[in-house]
Amino acid sequence: MLFRTGKYLPGSQIPTENELCKMFNVSRTAVREAVKKMNAKGIVDVKRGSGVYVSEMSIQNASEKMLFYKQSIQE
């Protein structure tokens, strides 16, 4: 949902944990788990002390990202 708008392009920083909690009305635990899963799938890069950034598209993780997108729009 967050990435479908096109507002967050590769290399751009996504909102902070607290901002995401407010945006989606969820707990910090839910945001942390979501970020952890997106990081594991190569969708975002977590830079400690700096923030979370949208990953650059690569051939390796392109198919995983498309599958994630497909699943997210079906929900």
C-alpha atoms as a PDB file:
ATOM      1  CA  MET A   1       0.000   0.000   0.000  1.00  0.00           C
ATOM      2  CA  LEU A   2       2.758   2.415   0.934  1.00  0.00           C
ATOM      3  CA  PHE A   3       4.818   1.746  -2.195  1.00  0.00           C
ATOM      4  CA  ARG A   4       1.951   1.498  -4.685  1.00  0.00           C
ATOM      5  CA  THR A   5       1.491   5.272  -4.684  1.00  0.00           C
ATOM      6  CA  GLY A   6       4.859   5.824  -6.352  1.00  0.00           C
ATOM      7  CA  LYS A   7       5.746   8.383  -3.707  1.00  0.00           C
ATOM      8  CA  TYR A   8       8.603   6.279  -2.377  1.00  0.00           C
ATOM      9  CA  LEU A   9      10.994   5.556  -5.208  1.00  0.00           C
ATOM     10  CA  PRO A  10      14.161   3.450  -4.980  1.00  0.00           C
ATOM     11  CA  GLY A  11      16.664   5.141  -2.716  1.00  0.00           C
ATOM     12  CA  SER A  12      14.102   7.285  -0.925  1.00  0.00           C
ATOM     13  CA  GLN A  13      13.612   7.137   2.828  1.00  0.00           C
ATOM     14  CA  ILE A  14      10.264   5.888   4.089  1.00  0.00           C
ATOM     15  CA  PRO A  15       8.557   7.478   7.102  1.00  0.00           C
ATOM     16  CA  THR A  16       9.845   6.769  10.590  1.00  0.00           C
ATOM     17  CA  GLU A  17       8.525   3.941  12.735  1.00  0.00           C
ATOM     18  CA  ASN A  18       6.340   6.331  14.714  1.00  0.00           C
ATOM     19  CA  GLU A  19       4.982   7.969  11.567  1.00  0.00           C
ATOM     20  CA  LEU A  20       4.103   4.567  10.085  1.00  0.00           C
ATOM     21  CA  CYS A  21       2.317   3.612  13.314  1.00  0.00           C
ATOM     22  CA  LYS A  22       0.156   6.714  13.017  1.00  0.00           C
ATOM     23  CA  MET A  23      -0.403   6.337   9.262  1.00  0.00           C
ATOM     24  CA  PHE A  24      -1.672   2.773   9.572  1.00  0.00           C
ATOM     25  CA  ASN A  25      -2.994   2.881  13.148  1.00  0.00           C
ATOM     26  CA  VAL A  26      -0.874  -0.105  14.190  1.00  0.00           C
ATOM     27  CA  SER A  27       1.570  -0.904  16.968  1.00  0.00           C
ATOM     28  CA  ARG A  28       5.325  -0.416  16.768  1.00  0.00           C
ATOM     29  CA  THR A  29       5.672  -4.198  16.889  1.00  0.00           C
ATOM     30  CA  ALA A  30       3.577  -4.524  13.718  1.00  0.00           C
ATOM     31  CA  VAL A  31       5.684  -1.892  11.939  1.00  0.00           C
ATOM     32  CA  ARG A  32       8.933  -3.535  13.033  1.00  0.00           C
ATOM     33  CA  GLU A  33       7.763  -6.931  11.793  1.00  0.00           C
ATOM     34  CA  ALA A  34       6.652  -5.469   8.460  1.00  0.00           C
ATOM     35  CA  VAL A  35       9.978  -3.677   7.981  1.00  0.00           C
ATOM     36  CA  LYS A  36      11.860  -6.839   8.950  1.00  0.00           C
ATOM     37  CA  LYS A  37       9.934  -8.870   6.347  1.00  0.00           C
ATOM     38  CA  MET A  38      10.398  -6.232   3.652  1.00  0.00           C
ATOM     39  CA  ASN A  39      14.113  -6.080   4.445  1.00  0.00           C
ATOM     40  CA  ALA A  40      14.393  -9.868   4.179  1.00  0.00           C
ATOM     41  CA  LYS A  41      12.672  -9.743   0.775  1.00  0.00           C
ATOM     42  CA  GLY A  42      15.011  -6.994  -0.445  1.00  0.00           C
ATOM     43  CA  ILE A  43      12.254  -4.395  -0.692  1.00  0.00           C
ATOM     44  CA  VAL A  44      13.829  -1.978   1.777  1.00  0.00           C
ATOM     45  CA  ASP A  45      17.296  -1.413   3.208  1.00  0.00           C
ATOM     46  CA  VAL A  46      17.622  -0.677   6.912  1.00  0.00           C
ATOM     47  CA  LYS A  47      20.482   1.692   7.653  1.00  0.00           C
ATOM     48  CA  ARG A  48      21.043   1.787  11.373  1.00  0.00           C
ATOM     49  CA  GLY A  49      21.035   5.324  12.692  1.00  0.00           C
ATOM     50  CA  SER A  50      19.806   6.667   9.374  1.00  0.00           C
ATOM     51  CA  GLY A  51      16.457   5.067   8.566  1.00  0.00           C
ATOM     52  CA  VAL A  52      14.738   2.707   6.185  1.00  0.00           C
ATOM     53  CA  TYR A  53      15.116   3.216   2.438  1.00  0.00           C
ATOM     54  CA  VAL A  54      13.421   1.708  -0.591  1.00  0.00           C
ATOM     55  CA  SER A  55      15.852  -0.748  -2.190  1.00  0.00           C
ATOM     56  CA  GLU A  56      17.262  -0.226  -5.624  1.00  0.00           C
ATOM     57  CA  MET A  57      15.704  -2.650  -8.087  1.00  0.00           C
ATOM     58  CA  SER A  58      18.002  -5.485  -9.103  1.00  0.00           C
ATOM     59  CA  ILE A  59      17.573  -8.528 -11.312  1.00  0.00           C
ATOM     60  CA  GLN A  60      18.027 -10.783  -8.275  1.00  0.00           C
ATOM     61  CA  ASN A  61      15.108  -9.462  -6.272  1.00  0.00           C
ATOM     62  CA  ALA A  62      12.880  -8.104  -9.040  1.00  0.00           C
ATOM     63  CA  SER A  63      10.745 -11.227  -9.235  1.00  0.00           C
ATOM     64  CA  GLU A  64      10.329 -11.320  -5.445  1.00  0.00           C
ATOM     65  CA  LYS A  65       9.234  -7.683  -5.429  1.00  0.00           C
ATOM     66  CA  MET A  66       6.699  -8.303  -8.183  1.00  0.00           C
ATOM     67  CA  LEU A  67       5.300 -11.293  -6.287  1.00  0.00           C
ATOM     68  CA  PHE A  68       5.090  -9.208  -3.089  1.00  0.00           C
ATOM     69  CA  TYR A  69       3.297  -6.451  -4.984  1.00  0.00           C
ATOM     70  CA  LYS A  70       0.867  -8.918  -6.517  1.00  0.00           C
ATOM     71  CA  GLN A  71       0.097 -10.404  -3.105  1.00  0.00           C
ATOM     72  CA  SER A  72      -0.349  -6.974  -1.534  1.00  0.00           C
ATOM     73  CA  ILE A  73      -2.894  -5.815  -4.111  1.00  0.00           C
ATOM     74  CA  GLN A  74      -4.887  -9.008  -3.700  1.00  0.00           C
ATOM     75  CA  GLU A  75      -5.354  -8.401   0.031  1.00  0.00           C
END
